[in-house]
Amino acid sequence: MSPVYINSAACISVQDTLNENFFQNLQPVNLSQVVKAIEPNYKEFIPPAASRRMSKTVKMSSVASKYALQEAGIENPDAIIVGTGMGCSQDSEKFLKNVIDNNEEFLTPTYFIQSTHNTVAGQIALGLQCHAYNFTYVNTSSSLEFSFLDAKLQINDGEADNVLVGSTDEQTDRTMELYRLNNTIKKEEDLPVDYLKSTTNGVIWGEGASFFVLGKDKTENSYAQLKDIQISSRLDLNETQQFIEGFLAKNQLTSNDIDAVILGFSGDAKSDVYYTKAMDVFQHSALLYYKHLSGEFNTASGFSTFMACHILKNQEIQEVMMINDLKKEGIKKILLYNHLGGNDHSLVLLERA
């Protein structure tokens, strides 16, 4: 299989990740149940008339994708692939509210049309006038990983040279209310959260959009080589180490070859045990975490991929991400491990470009 490179990375998140100096100004979020993304001034990117009709996730994705394409120097990608867990849930809620308020009569179709999960990929294609392969993956916390896998296959099969891959999820008031009721979100009395030593269940919920351009050719801007991906929808706790070691063996590696591991500790005591198990495999690697910077959400792994890209390119790890104090001379290989609530486990292996 030919190598696949990540040639650009752009992210809108709870951190000010569109700012060039974001890496030095990362701030943990542990005091509120829900944290919102820092959004750009959309008027600079989207005409106001069009912006008014777009949901937050479409706007975030439109801007992040523009940044990613610009950095890669690509005007029109050969494919657009987007992963999302919740899709355009703001418009879904508006449509359902209309159904109830109007007694299922006299409904305008706009909110319904804009509520489908593939609206994001479609709107990006419309903006670019791109008629290429356009696909959306909805696989909860492994949506981005499936998108990466598809892009990798497209490039290896010679179907595409440059693929725009993204992940995006937004918050909505009603969904956040329901998440509070079913204890997906942490109770007020359990704040602030110690993400690594939490004894309570539930998470702090975030949002964001991350976009990358994957290409078959290495460029001056290349961040990393996307080596391999593995996904498992279900995993018993005692299978965690076997899952990781099997993945490494498939790539002819051992745990000693991994310079840094980025784990998705979310502060949910019930499901974070998988990450604790994973840590035992890596005695000689830098152990990092990130959801205290992004919040938990379906496609939070987009934020970790974005951070991993910058770590590989800058050869620098910020202390705010460190679990242990082990620092390697050079960072060549990073393993990302993520799941959501103990389901949909994914491993992504990145190597310095």
Protein backbone atom coordinates (compact mmCIF):
# COMPACT_ATOMS: atom_id res chain seq x y z
CA MET A 1 0.00 0.00 0.00
CA SER A 2 1.28 3.44 -0.90
CA PRO A 3 1.80 5.97 1.93
CA VAL A 4 -0.95 8.47 2.76
CA TYR A 5 0.01 11.85 4.20
CA ILE A 6 -1.91 14.40 6.27
CA ASN A 7 -0.98 17.58 4.41
CA SER A 8 -3.08 20.06 6.36
CA ALA A 9 -5.05 20.27 9.60
CA ALA A 10 -7.63 22.83 10.76
CA CYS A 11 -9.80 22.79 13.85
CA ILE A 12 -12.55 24.81 15.51
CA SER A 13 -12.89 23.76 19.13
CA VAL A 14 -13.31 24.85 22.73
CA GLN A 15 -9.71 26.14 22.45
CA ASP A 16 -8.77 29.01 20.14
CA THR A 17 -7.38 26.54 17.61
CA LEU A 18 -7.70 28.83 14.58
CA ASN A 19 -5.16 31.14 16.22
CA GLU A 20 -1.54 30.43 15.23
CA ASN A 21 -0.39 30.58 18.87
CA PHE A 22 -3.07 28.23 20.22
CA PHE A 23 -0.49 25.55 21.14
CA GLN A 24 1.01 27.76 23.85
CA ASN A 25 -2.36 28.90 25.22
CA LEU A 26 -4.24 25.67 25.91
CA GLN A 27 -6.62 25.97 28.88
CA PRO A 28 -8.28 22.99 30.64
CA VAL A 29 -12.09 23.00 30.81
CA ASN A 30 -13.37 21.38 33.99
CA LEU A 31 -15.77 23.82 35.64
CA SER A 32 -18.99 23.64 33.59
CA GLN A 33 -21.20 20.79 32.37
CA VAL A 34 -21.19 21.97 28.76
CA VAL A 35 -18.44 23.89 26.92
CA LYS A 36 -18.96 25.70 23.64
CA ALA A 37 -16.58 26.07 20.69
CA ILE A 38 -14.79 29.37 20.08
CA GLU A 39 -16.30 30.36 16.74
CA PRO A 40 -14.71 32.65 14.14
CA ASN A 41 -16.38 35.71 12.64
CA TYR A 42 -18.41 33.89 10.00
CA LYS A 43 -18.99 37.08 7.99
CA GLU A 44 -15.37 36.86 6.84
CA PHE A 45 -16.01 33.46 5.24
CA ILE A 46 -19.72 33.04 4.48
CA PRO A 47 -22.16 35.59 2.97
CA PRO A 48 -24.57 36.70 5.78
CA ALA A 49 -27.67 35.65 3.80
CA ALA A 50 -26.30 32.10 3.44
CA SER A 51 -24.97 32.04 7.00
CA ARG A 52 -28.44 32.70 8.47
CA ARG A 53 -29.75 29.50 6.89
CA MET A 54 -26.85 27.35 8.13
CA SER A 55 -26.70 25.48 11.42
CA LYS A 56 -23.66 25.85 13.65
CA THR A 57 -22.05 22.59 12.55
CA VAL A 58 -22.34 23.55 8.85
CA LYS A 59 -20.76 26.96 9.55
CA MET A 60 -17.93 25.52 11.65
CA SER A 61 -17.23 22.88 9.01
CA SER A 62 -17.32 25.35 6.12
CA VAL A 63 -14.69 27.53 7.79
CA ALA A 64 -12.48 24.64 9.02
CA SER A 65 -12.56 23.02 5.56
CA LYS A 66 -11.57 26.33 3.93
CA TYR A 67 -8.57 26.60 6.27
CA ALA A 68 -7.56 22.98 5.56
CA LEU A 69 -7.80 23.33 1.76
CA GLN A 70 -5.97 26.66 1.84
CA GLU A 71 -3.10 25.25 3.89
CA ALA A 72 -2.78 22.26 1.55
CA GLY A 73 -2.91 24.52 -1.51
CA ILE A 74 -5.86 22.56 -2.95
CA GLU A 75 -8.74 24.33 -4.67
CA ASN A 76 -10.91 21.30 -5.35
CA PRO A 77 -10.35 17.92 -3.64
CA ASP A 78 -10.91 14.61 -5.42
CA ALA A 79 -13.29 13.52 -2.66
CA ILE A 80 -15.06 14.99 0.39
CA ILE A 81 -15.62 12.63 3.34
CA VAL A 82 -17.14 13.79 6.63
CA GLY A 83 -17.70 11.91 9.88
CA THR A 84 -20.32 13.04 12.39
CA GLY A 85 -22.06 11.47 15.35
CA MET A 86 -25.09 13.75 15.68
CA GLY A 87 -25.19 15.54 12.32
CA CYS A 88 -27.16 18.78 12.04
CA SER A 89 -29.02 18.26 15.30
CA GLN A 90 -30.02 21.94 15.65
CA ASP A 91 -32.14 21.72 12.51
CA SER A 92 -33.43 18.27 13.53
CA GLU A 93 -34.70 19.76 16.79
CA LYS A 94 -36.26 22.74 14.99
CA PHE A 95 -38.08 20.41 12.58
CA LEU A 96 -39.39 18.16 15.35
CA LYS A 97 -40.52 21.20 17.34
CA ASN A 98 -42.41 22.43 14.26
CA VAL A 99 -44.08 19.02 13.91
CA ILE A 100 -45.32 19.22 17.52
CA ASP A 101 -46.22 22.93 17.54
CA ASN A 102 -48.15 22.72 14.24
CA ASN A 103 -49.89 19.47 15.02
CA GLU A 104 -48.10 17.77 12.09
CA GLU A 105 -49.65 20.21 9.58
CA PHE A 106 -48.41 23.03 7.31
CA LEU A 107 -44.74 22.14 7.76
CA THR A 108 -42.01 23.91 5.82
CA PRO A 109 -39.48 21.38 4.51
CA THR A 110 -36.38 23.58 5.02
CA TYR A 111 -35.42 22.34 8.49
CA PHE A 112 -36.00 18.73 7.46
CA ILE A 113 -33.83 19.09 4.34
CA GLN A 114 -31.05 20.71 6.38
CA SER A 115 -31.29 18.24 9.26
CA THR A 116 -29.82 15.24 7.44
CA HIS A 117 -26.35 14.12 8.50
CA ASN A 118 -24.88 14.54 5.01
CA THR A 119 -25.81 18.26 4.88
CA VAL A 120 -22.27 19.22 5.97
CA ALA A 121 -20.46 17.36 3.17
CA GLY A 122 -23.08 18.56 0.69
CA GLN A 123 -22.77 22.23 1.70
CA ILE A 124 -18.97 22.10 1.43
CA ALA A 125 -19.28 20.56 -2.06
CA LEU A 126 -21.81 23.22 -3.10
CA GLY A 127 -19.50 25.98 -1.88
CA LEU A 128 -16.58 24.52 -3.85
CA GLN A 129 -18.68 23.45 -6.85
CA CYS A 130 -17.08 20.05 -6.32
CA HIS A 131 -18.81 17.15 -8.12
CA ALA A 132 -16.44 14.46 -6.83
CA TYR A 133 -17.11 11.52 -4.46
CA ASN A 134 -19.05 12.82 -1.44
CA PHE A 135 -19.74 10.64 1.56
CA THR A 136 -20.76 10.92 5.22
CA TYR A 137 -20.05 8.39 7.99
CA VAL A 138 -22.27 8.27 11.09
CA ASN A 139 -20.64 5.81 13.49
CA THR A 140 -20.73 7.62 16.86
CA SER A 141 -17.17 8.04 18.18
CA SER A 142 -15.48 6.24 15.27
CA SER A 143 -17.07 8.39 12.53
CA LEU A 144 -13.79 10.20 11.76
CA GLU A 145 -11.81 6.96 11.81
CA PHE A 146 -14.15 5.39 9.23
CA SER A 147 -13.76 8.55 7.12
CA PHE A 148 -9.96 8.26 7.32
CA LEU A 149 -10.17 4.60 6.36
CA ASP A 150 -12.31 5.42 3.32
CA ALA A 151 -9.94 8.23 2.26
CA LYS A 152 -6.94 5.91 2.63
CA LEU A 153 -8.62 3.31 0.39
CA GLN A 154 -9.56 5.98 -2.18
CA ILE A 155 -5.92 7.08 -2.41
CA ASN A 156 -4.46 3.56 -2.41
CA ASP A 157 -6.88 2.44 -5.12
CA GLY A 158 -5.89 5.37 -7.33
CA GLU A 159 -9.39 6.88 -7.14
CA ALA A 160 -8.14 10.15 -5.60
CA ASP A 161 -4.91 12.10 -5.05
CA ASN A 162 -6.20 14.57 -2.43
CA VAL A 163 -9.14 13.97 -0.11
CA LEU A 164 -10.79 16.44 2.26
CA VAL A 165 -11.67 14.56 5.45
CA GLY A 166 -13.50 16.12 8.37
CA SER A 167 -15.35 15.50 11.60
CA THR A 168 -17.99 17.73 13.16
CA ASP A 169 -20.56 17.82 15.95
CA GLU A 170 -22.62 20.59 17.55
CA GLN A 171 -24.58 20.98 20.78
CA THR A 172 -28.30 21.61 21.02
CA ASP A 173 -30.28 22.74 24.04
CA ARG A 174 -32.79 19.88 24.08
CA THR A 175 -30.15 17.17 23.60
CA MET A 176 -28.07 18.65 26.43
CA GLU A 177 -31.18 18.59 28.67
CA LEU A 178 -31.69 14.90 27.87
CA TYR A 179 -27.99 14.15 28.47
CA ARG A 180 -28.30 15.77 31.90
CA LEU A 181 -31.38 13.68 32.68
CA ASN A 182 -29.74 10.36 31.74
CA ASN A 183 -26.46 11.31 33.48
CA THR A 184 -24.36 11.34 30.28
CA ILE A 185 -23.28 14.81 31.44
CA LYS A 186 -21.74 15.20 34.89
CA LYS A 187 -23.85 16.51 37.74
CA GLU A 188 -23.19 20.07 38.91
CA GLU A 189 -22.00 18.80 42.33
CA ASP A 190 -19.32 16.62 40.67
CA LEU A 191 -17.52 19.65 39.23
CA PRO A 192 -14.68 20.56 38.85
CA VAL A 193 -13.56 17.32 37.19
CA ASP A 194 -10.23 15.60 37.68
CA TYR A 195 -10.11 13.80 34.32
CA LEU A 196 -7.46 11.30 35.36
CA LYS A 197 -8.71 10.42 38.85
CA SER A 198 -12.46 10.88 38.55
CA THR A 199 -14.62 8.69 40.80
CA THR A 200 -17.95 9.86 39.30
CA ASN A 201 -19.71 8.98 36.06
CA GLY A 202 -20.60 11.37 33.26
CA VAL A 203 -18.59 13.82 31.17
CA ILE A 204 -18.24 17.48 30.29
CA TRP A 205 -19.78 17.83 26.82
CA GLY A 206 -18.00 19.79 24.07
CA GLU A 207 -18.29 20.39 20.34
CA GLY A 208 -16.13 21.24 17.34
CA ALA A 209 -15.08 20.61 13.75
CA SER A 210 -11.72 19.28 12.52
CA PHE A 211 -10.72 19.00 8.86
CA PHE A 212 -7.68 17.48 7.17
CA VAL A 213 -6.42 17.08 3.62
CA LEU A 214 -5.05 13.60 2.97
CA GLY A 215 -2.80 13.19 -0.04
CA LYS A 216 -0.73 10.53 -1.80
CA ASP A 217 2.27 12.89 -2.06
CA LYS A 218 4.33 14.32 0.75
CA THR A 219 4.55 18.13 0.69
CA GLU A 220 6.51 20.79 2.55
CA ASN A 221 3.50 21.26 4.85
CA SER A 222 2.94 17.56 5.59
CA TYR A 223 2.22 16.87 9.26
CA ALA A 224 2.18 13.10 9.41
CA GLN A 225 1.83 9.84 7.59
CA LEU A 226 -1.43 8.01 8.31
CA LYS A 227 -0.08 4.49 8.85
CA ASP A 228 -3.05 2.42 9.98
CA ILE A 229 -6.49 2.42 11.64
CA GLN A 230 -8.36 -0.24 13.57
CA ILE A 231 -11.94 -0.07 14.88
CA SER A 232 -13.91 -2.34 17.19
CA SER A 233 -17.51 -1.58 18.14
CA ARG A 234 -17.38 -3.70 21.32
CA LEU A 235 -14.49 -4.64 23.57
CA ASP A 236 -14.36 -6.39 26.94
CA LEU A 237 -12.10 -4.66 29.42
CA ASN A 238 -9.76 -7.67 29.60
CA GLU A 239 -9.38 -7.57 25.78
CA THR A 240 -8.01 -4.01 25.72
CA GLN A 241 -4.31 -4.87 25.84
CA GLN A 242 -4.74 -7.66 23.30
CA PHE A 243 -6.58 -5.22 20.98
CA ILE A 244 -3.66 -2.76 21.15
CA GLU A 245 -0.83 -5.30 20.99
CA GLY A 246 -2.47 -7.07 18.02
CA PHE A 247 -2.72 -3.77 16.17
CA LEU A 248 0.94 -2.98 16.84
CA ALA A 249 2.04 -6.48 15.79
CA LYS A 250 0.08 -6.09 12.53
CA ASN A 251 2.25 -3.04 11.86
CA GLN A 252 5.43 -4.91 12.91
CA LEU A 253 5.82 -2.75 16.02
CA THR A 254 6.00 -3.21 19.77
CA SER A 255 4.91 -0.78 22.48
CA ASN A 256 8.55 0.39 22.76
CA ASP A 257 8.35 1.78 19.20
CA ILE A 258 5.55 4.20 20.13
CA ASP A 259 6.92 7.57 21.27
CA ALA A 260 3.61 9.02 22.48
CA VAL A 261 0.13 7.68 23.18
CA ILE A 262 -2.87 10.03 23.23
CA LEU A 263 -5.69 8.62 25.38
CA GLY A 264 -9.27 9.89 25.56
CA PHE A 265 -9.71 10.20 29.35
CA SER A 266 -13.10 11.91 29.72
CA GLY A 267 -13.61 11.96 33.49
CA ASP A 268 -16.23 9.18 33.24
CA ALA A 269 -15.04 6.71 35.89
CA LYS A 270 -17.05 3.83 34.40
CA SER A 271 -15.48 3.92 30.92
CA ASP A 272 -12.06 5.48 31.58
CA VAL A 273 -10.88 2.10 32.93
CA TYR A 274 -10.15 1.10 29.31
CA TYR A 275 -7.53 3.87 29.10
CA THR A 276 -6.05 2.85 32.46
CA LYS A 277 -5.66 -0.68 31.08
CA ALA A 278 -4.05 0.69 27.90
CA MET A 279 -1.49 2.67 29.92
CA ASP A 280 -0.05 -0.58 31.29
CA VAL A 281 1.03 -1.56 27.76
CA PHE A 282 3.18 1.55 27.30
CA GLN A 283 5.89 1.62 29.96
CA HIS A 284 8.36 3.55 27.79
CA SER A 285 6.09 6.05 25.97
CA ALA A 286 4.94 9.57 26.71
CA LEU A 287 1.31 9.26 27.88
CA LEU A 288 -0.99 12.15 26.96
CA TYR A 289 -4.68 13.05 27.28
CA TYR A 290 -6.83 15.71 25.62
CA LYS A 291 -10.54 15.74 26.51
CA HIS A 292 -9.87 18.15 29.39
CA LEU A 293 -9.08 20.58 26.54
CA SER A 294 -11.92 19.72 24.13
CA GLY A 295 -14.72 18.22 26.17
CA GLU A 296 -16.26 14.87 25.23
CA PHE A 297 -18.39 14.52 22.10
CA ASN A 298 -18.93 12.03 19.29
CA THR A 299 -16.06 13.22 17.11
CA ALA A 300 -13.68 14.49 19.80
CA SER A 301 -10.98 12.31 18.22
CA GLY A 302 -10.73 15.00 15.51
CA PHE A 303 -9.24 17.28 18.16
CA SER A 304 -6.75 14.60 19.25
CA THR A 305 -5.71 14.00 15.61
CA PHE A 306 -5.23 17.75 15.16
CA MET A 307 -3.08 17.89 18.32
CA ALA A 308 -1.07 14.82 17.25
CA CYS A 309 -0.33 16.47 13.89
CA HIS A 310 1.08 19.54 15.61
CA ILE A 311 3.09 17.47 18.09
CA LEU A 312 4.72 15.55 15.21
CA LYS A 313 5.41 18.70 13.21
CA ASN A 314 6.66 20.88 16.11
CA GLN A 315 8.36 18.02 17.99
CA GLU A 316 6.95 19.50 21.16
CA ILE A 317 4.43 18.31 23.76
CA GLN A 318 2.63 20.82 25.98
CA GLU A 319 2.75 19.99 29.70
CA VAL A 320 -1.01 20.47 30.01
CA MET A 321 -1.46 17.24 27.98
CA MET A 322 1.03 15.07 29.88
CA ILE A 323 0.02 12.19 32.16
CA ASN A 324 3.58 11.01 32.90
CA ASP A 325 6.82 12.98 32.69
CA LEU A 326 8.53 10.80 30.10
CA LYS A 327 9.91 12.80 27.17
CA LYS A 328 11.45 11.25 24.08
CA GLU A 329 14.32 12.84 22.14
CA GLY A 330 12.37 12.74 18.90
CA ILE A 331 8.67 12.00 18.39
CA LYS A 332 8.26 9.75 15.36
CA LYS A 333 5.23 7.57 16.07
CA ILE A 334 2.02 8.51 17.91
CA LEU A 335 -0.84 6.14 18.72
CA LEU A 336 -4.33 7.56 19.33
CA TYR A 337 -6.81 5.49 21.33
CA ASN A 338 -10.42 6.62 21.72
CA HIS A 339 -13.91 5.37 22.57
CA LEU A 340 -17.19 6.88 23.76
CA GLY A 341 -18.70 5.48 26.92
CA GLY A 342 -16.89 2.16 26.47
CA ASN A 343 -18.16 1.57 22.90
CA ASP A 344 -16.69 2.07 19.42
CA HIS A 345 -13.00 1.73 20.19
CA SER A 346 -10.51 3.06 17.64
CA LEU A 347 -6.75 3.05 17.20
CA VAL A 348 -4.99 5.43 14.79
CA LEU A 349 -1.26 5.21 14.11
CA LEU A 350 0.49 8.34 12.88
CA GLU A 351 4.14 8.68 11.90
CA ARG A 352 6.20 11.80 11.40
CA ALA A 353 6.16 12.82 7.74
